[in-house]
Structures are given as C-alpha cells and as structure tokens.
Amino acid sequence: MSENQNTNQLNIELPEDVADGIYSNLAIISHSNAEFVVDFIRMMPNVPKAKVKTRIILTPQHAKRLLKALNENIKKYETQFGVIDDNDHGFMPGMNFNTPPAQA
C-alpha cells in the first residue's frame, strides 16, 4: 500500500451501545443559517406523547451530502427490493396503530 493511500484511510469505531441503534418512526428537521437539526422521534401506539430519542446537528454542507447519500441508497434499495410505497402524501403520521388502548 502506498503512503498516499495510507493517509486517506479513516478508522471508524462502532461502540457496542451505538451498534444496537435507536428505532425512530418520525424525524423533524429544522435549520438556521449555520446548521440543520434532525430530531429522531419514536411514537408509540395509544401514547399521546412522543420522545425525541436522538438529535443530530449537521452543517449545511454535511446535510446536503447526507441527502445525496440517502438518495443514492434509496435508488439502490428500490433496484434490489422494489419501489418504497410512500403513501402518506407529506402528512404527519397518525398516532393510532390500530391497536386497542393500553390498560393497566
């Protein structure tokens, strides 16, 4: 391996607690002139309050790179598995998961 190739490598560590991931079924995106803020939220059935599970803050340049990477990956996914059905037409997802209300 040449010296140039060695300096362009990035060693990324994935800690075990982060590797498990965090489930989110809603994201809210806001921005200022200096940053984009993405709040990942988990809504639960029959629970009127949802919690932000994690917040990611990006520079505008990184937000645009993320958008490009997501678009590329969605195209690859749809080529392999078929078109993703996006039938919500931009509306906020409902809180009702068609399950009976929780009881204690």
N, C-alpha and C. Protein backbone atom coordinates (compact mmCIF):
# COMPACT_ATOMS: atom_id res chain seq x y z
N MET A 1 0.84 -1.17 0.00
CA MET A 1 0.00 0.00 0.00
C MET A 1 0.89 1.23 0.00
N SER A 2 0.58 2.21 -0.83
CA SER A 2 1.41 3.40 -0.91
C SER A 2 1.14 4.32 0.29
N GLU A 3 2.06 5.25 0.51
CA GLU A 3 1.91 6.21 1.61
C GLU A 3 0.66 7.06 1.43
N ASN A 4 0.33 7.45 0.21
CA ASN A 4 -0.84 8.29 -0.09
C ASN A 4 -2.13 7.57 0.29
N GLN A 5 -2.23 6.28 -0.02
CA GLN A 5 -3.43 5.52 0.32
C GLN A 5 -3.58 5.40 1.83
N ASN A 6 -2.46 5.27 2.54
CA ASN A 6 -2.49 5.15 3.98
C ASN A 6 -3.04 6.41 4.65
N THR A 7 -2.73 7.58 4.16
CA THR A 7 -3.17 8.83 4.78
C THR A 7 -4.64 9.13 4.48
N ASN A 8 -5.22 8.50 3.47
CA ASN A 8 -6.62 8.73 3.12
C ASN A 8 -7.58 7.78 3.82
N GLN A 9 -7.07 6.88 4.64
CA GLN A 9 -7.93 5.92 5.34
C GLN A 9 -8.43 6.52 6.64
N LEU A 10 -9.65 6.14 6.99
CA LEU A 10 -10.24 6.57 8.25
C LEU A 10 -10.67 5.34 9.01
N ASN A 11 -10.19 5.22 10.23
CA ASN A 11 -10.54 4.10 11.08
C ASN A 11 -11.74 4.52 11.92
N ILE A 12 -12.88 3.86 11.74
CA ILE A 12 -14.11 4.22 12.44
C ILE A 12 -14.43 3.14 13.46
N GLU A 13 -14.65 3.55 14.69
CA GLU A 13 -15.01 2.62 15.77
C GLU A 13 -16.51 2.70 16.00
N LEU A 14 -17.15 1.56 16.13
CA LEU A 14 -18.58 1.48 16.41
C LEU A 14 -18.78 0.83 17.78
N PRO A 15 -18.98 1.65 18.83
CA PRO A 15 -19.17 1.08 20.16
C PRO A 15 -20.42 0.20 20.21
N GLU A 16 -20.39 -0.79 21.08
CA GLU A 16 -21.47 -1.77 21.17
C GLU A 16 -22.82 -1.11 21.45
N ASP A 17 -22.86 -0.14 22.35
CA ASP A 17 -24.14 0.50 22.70
C ASP A 17 -24.70 1.32 21.54
N VAL A 18 -23.86 1.82 20.67
CA VAL A 18 -24.31 2.56 19.49
C VAL A 18 -24.71 1.59 18.37
N ALA A 19 -24.03 0.47 18.29
CA ALA A 19 -24.29 -0.52 17.24
C ALA A 19 -25.71 -1.07 17.31
N ASP A 20 -26.30 -1.09 18.48
CA ASP A 20 -27.68 -1.57 18.63
C ASP A 20 -28.67 -0.68 17.88
N GLY A 21 -28.34 0.58 17.71
CA GLY A 21 -29.22 1.51 17.01
C GLY A 21 -30.37 1.98 17.88
N ILE A 22 -31.08 2.97 17.36
CA ILE A 22 -32.25 3.52 18.03
C ILE A 22 -33.37 3.58 17.00
N TYR A 23 -34.51 2.98 17.31
CA TYR A 23 -35.64 2.97 16.39
C TYR A 23 -36.33 4.34 16.40
N SER A 24 -36.66 4.82 15.22
CA SER A 24 -37.37 6.08 15.07
C SER A 24 -38.40 5.92 13.95
N ASN A 25 -39.61 6.43 14.16
CA ASN A 25 -40.62 6.38 13.10
C ASN A 25 -41.10 7.78 12.73
N LEU A 26 -40.35 8.79 13.15
CA LEU A 26 -40.64 10.18 12.77
C LEU A 26 -39.36 10.99 12.91
N ALA A 27 -39.12 11.87 11.95
CA ALA A 27 -37.99 12.79 12.04
C ALA A 27 -38.51 14.20 11.79
N ILE A 28 -38.06 15.13 12.59
CA ILE A 28 -38.41 16.54 12.39
C ILE A 28 -37.12 17.28 12.11
N ILE A 29 -37.12 18.04 11.03
CA ILE A 29 -35.91 18.73 10.59
C ILE A 29 -36.13 20.23 10.68
N SER A 30 -35.19 20.93 11.29
CA SER A 30 -35.22 22.40 11.33
C SER A 30 -33.83 22.89 10.96
N HIS A 31 -33.72 24.18 10.68
CA HIS A 31 -32.42 24.71 10.29
C HIS A 31 -32.29 26.19 10.63
N SER A 32 -31.05 26.60 10.73
CA SER A 32 -30.69 28.01 10.83
C SER A 32 -29.75 28.29 9.67
N ASN A 33 -29.15 29.46 9.64
CA ASN A 33 -28.20 29.73 8.55
C ASN A 33 -26.92 28.94 8.71
N ALA A 34 -26.67 28.37 9.90
CA ALA A 34 -25.40 27.70 10.15
C ALA A 34 -25.50 26.19 10.33
N GLU A 35 -26.74 25.66 10.58
CA GLU A 35 -26.83 24.24 10.87
C GLU A 35 -28.22 23.69 10.57
N PHE A 36 -28.26 22.38 10.37
CA PHE A 36 -29.50 21.62 10.26
C PHE A 36 -29.60 20.76 11.52
N VAL A 37 -30.79 20.70 12.08
CA VAL A 37 -31.03 19.88 13.27
C VAL A 37 -32.07 18.84 12.90
N VAL A 38 -31.72 17.57 13.10
CA VAL A 38 -32.64 16.47 12.82
C VAL A 38 -32.94 15.77 14.14
N ASP A 39 -34.22 15.85 14.55
CA ASP A 39 -34.67 15.15 15.75
C ASP A 39 -35.35 13.87 15.32
N PHE A 40 -34.85 12.74 15.84
CA PHE A 40 -35.44 11.44 15.56
C PHE A 40 -36.34 11.07 16.74
N ILE A 41 -37.59 10.77 16.43
CA ILE A 41 -38.63 10.58 17.43
C ILE A 41 -39.22 9.19 17.31
N ARG A 42 -39.61 8.64 18.46
CA ARG A 42 -40.31 7.35 18.46
C ARG A 42 -41.72 7.59 19.00
N MET A 43 -42.71 7.34 18.13
CA MET A 43 -44.11 7.41 18.55
C MET A 43 -44.56 6.00 18.88
N MET A 44 -45.32 5.88 19.96
CA MET A 44 -45.81 4.57 20.37
C MET A 44 -47.33 4.55 20.28
N PRO A 45 -47.91 3.37 20.05
CA PRO A 45 -49.36 3.26 19.93
C PRO A 45 -50.07 3.73 21.19
N ASN A 46 -51.13 4.51 20.97
CA ASN A 46 -52.02 4.96 22.05
C ASN A 46 -51.31 5.75 23.14
N VAL A 47 -50.17 6.32 22.83
CA VAL A 47 -49.44 7.18 23.77
C VAL A 47 -49.41 8.58 23.15
N PRO A 48 -50.07 9.55 23.79
CA PRO A 48 -50.20 10.87 23.18
C PRO A 48 -48.92 11.70 23.20
N LYS A 49 -47.89 11.22 23.89
CA LYS A 49 -46.64 11.97 24.00
C LYS A 49 -45.52 11.16 23.35
N ALA A 50 -44.76 11.80 22.48
CA ALA A 50 -43.65 11.13 21.82
C ALA A 50 -42.34 11.75 22.31
N LYS A 51 -41.29 10.94 22.35
CA LYS A 51 -40.00 11.41 22.83
C LYS A 51 -38.99 11.52 21.69
N VAL A 52 -38.19 12.58 21.75
CA VAL A 52 -37.04 12.67 20.86
C VAL A 52 -36.01 11.69 21.41
N LYS A 53 -35.61 10.73 20.58
CA LYS A 53 -34.67 9.70 21.02
C LYS A 53 -33.23 10.12 20.77
N THR A 54 -33.01 10.91 19.72
CA THR A 54 -31.67 11.43 19.47
C THR A 54 -31.78 12.66 18.57
N ARG A 55 -30.80 13.52 18.67
CA ARG A 55 -30.73 14.74 17.86
C ARG A 55 -29.38 14.75 17.17
N ILE A 56 -29.41 14.99 15.86
CA ILE A 56 -28.19 15.10 15.07
C ILE A 56 -28.11 16.52 14.53
N ILE A 57 -26.97 17.17 14.71
CA ILE A 57 -26.76 18.53 14.23
C ILE A 57 -25.70 18.48 13.14
N LEU A 58 -26.04 19.05 11.97
CA LEU A 58 -25.17 18.98 10.79
C LEU A 58 -24.92 20.37 10.23
N THR A 59 -23.75 20.55 9.63
CA THR A 59 -23.53 21.77 8.85
C THR A 59 -24.38 21.66 7.59
N PRO A 60 -24.69 22.79 6.94
CA PRO A 60 -25.45 22.71 5.68
C PRO A 60 -24.76 21.82 4.64
N GLN A 61 -23.44 21.85 4.59
CA GLN A 61 -22.71 21.03 3.62
C GLN A 61 -22.89 19.55 3.93
N HIS A 62 -22.82 19.18 5.19
CA HIS A 62 -23.00 17.78 5.56
C HIS A 62 -24.45 17.34 5.36
N ALA A 63 -25.39 18.25 5.61
CA ALA A 63 -26.81 17.91 5.37
C ALA A 63 -27.03 17.60 3.90
N LYS A 64 -26.41 18.38 3.02
CA LYS A 64 -26.57 18.14 1.58
C LYS A 64 -25.91 16.84 1.17
N ARG A 65 -24.75 16.53 1.76
CA ARG A 65 -24.09 15.25 1.48
C ARG A 65 -24.93 14.07 1.97
N LEU A 66 -25.57 14.24 3.13
CA LEU A 66 -26.45 13.20 3.65
C LEU A 66 -27.63 12.98 2.72
N LEU A 67 -28.24 14.06 2.25
CA LEU A 67 -29.35 13.96 1.30
C LEU A 67 -28.93 13.19 0.05
N LYS A 68 -27.77 13.52 -0.48
CA LYS A 68 -27.27 12.84 -1.68
C LYS A 68 -27.03 11.35 -1.39
N ALA A 69 -26.43 11.04 -0.25
CA ALA A 69 -26.16 9.65 0.10
C ALA A 69 -27.46 8.87 0.31
N LEU A 70 -28.45 9.49 0.95
CA LEU A 70 -29.75 8.83 1.13
C LEU A 70 -30.42 8.57 -0.21
N ASN A 71 -30.39 9.55 -1.11
CA ASN A 71 -30.97 9.37 -2.45
C ASN A 71 -30.32 8.21 -3.19
N GLU A 72 -28.99 8.15 -3.14
CA GLU A 72 -28.27 7.07 -3.81
C GLU A 72 -28.64 5.71 -3.20
N ASN A 73 -28.73 5.65 -1.88
CA ASN A 73 -29.05 4.38 -1.22
C ASN A 73 -30.49 3.97 -1.45
N ILE A 74 -31.40 4.92 -1.51
CA ILE A 74 -32.80 4.59 -1.81
C ILE A 74 -32.92 4.03 -3.23
N LYS A 75 -32.21 4.61 -4.17
CA LYS A 75 -32.22 4.09 -5.54
C LYS A 75 -31.71 2.65 -5.57
N LYS A 76 -30.61 2.38 -4.87
CA LYS A 76 -30.06 1.03 -4.82
C LYS A 76 -31.05 0.07 -4.15
N TYR A 77 -31.67 0.50 -3.05
CA TYR A 77 -32.65 -0.32 -2.35
C TYR A 77 -33.81 -0.68 -3.27
N GLU A 78 -34.36 0.34 -3.95
CA GLU A 78 -35.52 0.11 -4.81
C GLU A 78 -35.16 -0.75 -6.02
N THR A 79 -33.94 -0.67 -6.50
CA THR A 79 -33.50 -1.56 -7.57
C THR A 79 -33.49 -3.01 -7.09
N GLN A 80 -33.07 -3.22 -5.86
CA GLN A 80 -32.97 -4.57 -5.32
C GLN A 80 -34.30 -5.10 -4.79
N PHE A 81 -35.10 -4.25 -4.12
CA PHE A 81 -36.28 -4.74 -3.41
C PHE A 81 -37.61 -4.20 -3.93
N GLY A 82 -37.59 -3.27 -4.86
CA GLY A 82 -38.82 -2.69 -5.37
C GLY A 82 -39.07 -1.30 -4.79
N VAL A 83 -40.00 -0.61 -5.39
CA VAL A 83 -40.30 0.77 -5.02
C VAL A 83 -40.86 0.84 -3.60
N ILE A 84 -40.36 1.79 -2.84
CA ILE A 84 -40.85 2.02 -1.48
C ILE A 84 -42.17 2.77 -1.59
N ASP A 85 -43.21 2.23 -0.97
CA ASP A 85 -44.53 2.86 -1.00
C ASP A 85 -44.55 4.04 -0.03
N ASP A 86 -44.64 5.23 -0.57
CA ASP A 86 -44.68 6.45 0.24
C ASP A 86 -46.07 7.05 0.09
N ASN A 87 -47.04 6.47 0.78
CA ASN A 87 -48.43 6.87 0.59
C ASN A 87 -48.94 7.88 1.59
N ASP A 88 -48.04 8.50 2.37
CA ASP A 88 -48.52 9.46 3.37
C ASP A 88 -48.75 10.85 2.79
N HIS A 89 -48.29 11.11 1.59
CA HIS A 89 -48.50 12.39 0.89
C HIS A 89 -48.07 13.59 1.72
N GLY A 90 -47.01 13.42 2.50
CA GLY A 90 -46.46 14.53 3.26
C GLY A 90 -47.18 14.85 4.56
N PHE A 91 -48.16 14.06 4.95
CA PHE A 91 -48.88 14.33 6.18
C PHE A 91 -48.16 13.70 7.36
N MET A 92 -48.40 14.26 8.53
CA MET A 92 -47.87 13.72 9.76
C MET A 92 -48.50 12.36 10.02
N PRO A 93 -47.72 11.34 10.37
CA PRO A 93 -48.30 10.02 10.62
C PRO A 93 -49.25 10.07 11.81
N GLY A 94 -50.30 9.27 11.73
CA GLY A 94 -51.27 9.21 12.81
C GLY A 94 -50.72 8.49 14.02
N MET A 95 -51.28 8.76 15.15
CA MET A 95 -50.85 8.12 16.39
C MET A 95 -51.53 6.78 16.59
N ASN A 96 -52.57 6.47 15.83
CA ASN A 96 -53.31 5.24 16.02
C ASN A 96 -52.68 4.13 15.19
N PHE A 97 -52.22 3.09 15.86
CA PHE A 97 -51.61 1.96 15.19
C PHE A 97 -52.61 0.82 15.05
N ASN A 98 -53.91 1.15 15.15
CA ASN A 98 -55.00 0.16 15.06
C ASN A 98 -54.87 -0.94 16.11
N THR A 99 -54.49 -0.52 17.31
CA THR A 99 -54.43 -1.45 18.42
C THR A 99 -55.35 -0.94 19.51
N PRO A 100 -55.85 -1.80 20.37
CA PRO A 100 -56.72 -1.33 21.45
C PRO A 100 -55.96 -0.45 22.42
N PRO A 101 -56.64 0.47 23.10
CA PRO A 101 -55.96 1.33 24.08
C PRO A 101 -55.28 0.51 25.17
N ALA A 102 -54.15 1.00 25.63
CA ALA A 102 -53.42 0.31 26.70
C ALA A 102 -54.18 0.41 27.99
N GLN A 103 -54.13 -0.64 28.78
CA GLN A 103 -54.78 -0.66 30.09
C GLN A 103 -53.80 -1.18 31.12
N ALA A 104 -53.89 -0.60 32.32
CA ALA A 104 -53.00 -1.05 33.39
C ALA A 104 -53.71 -2.04 34.28
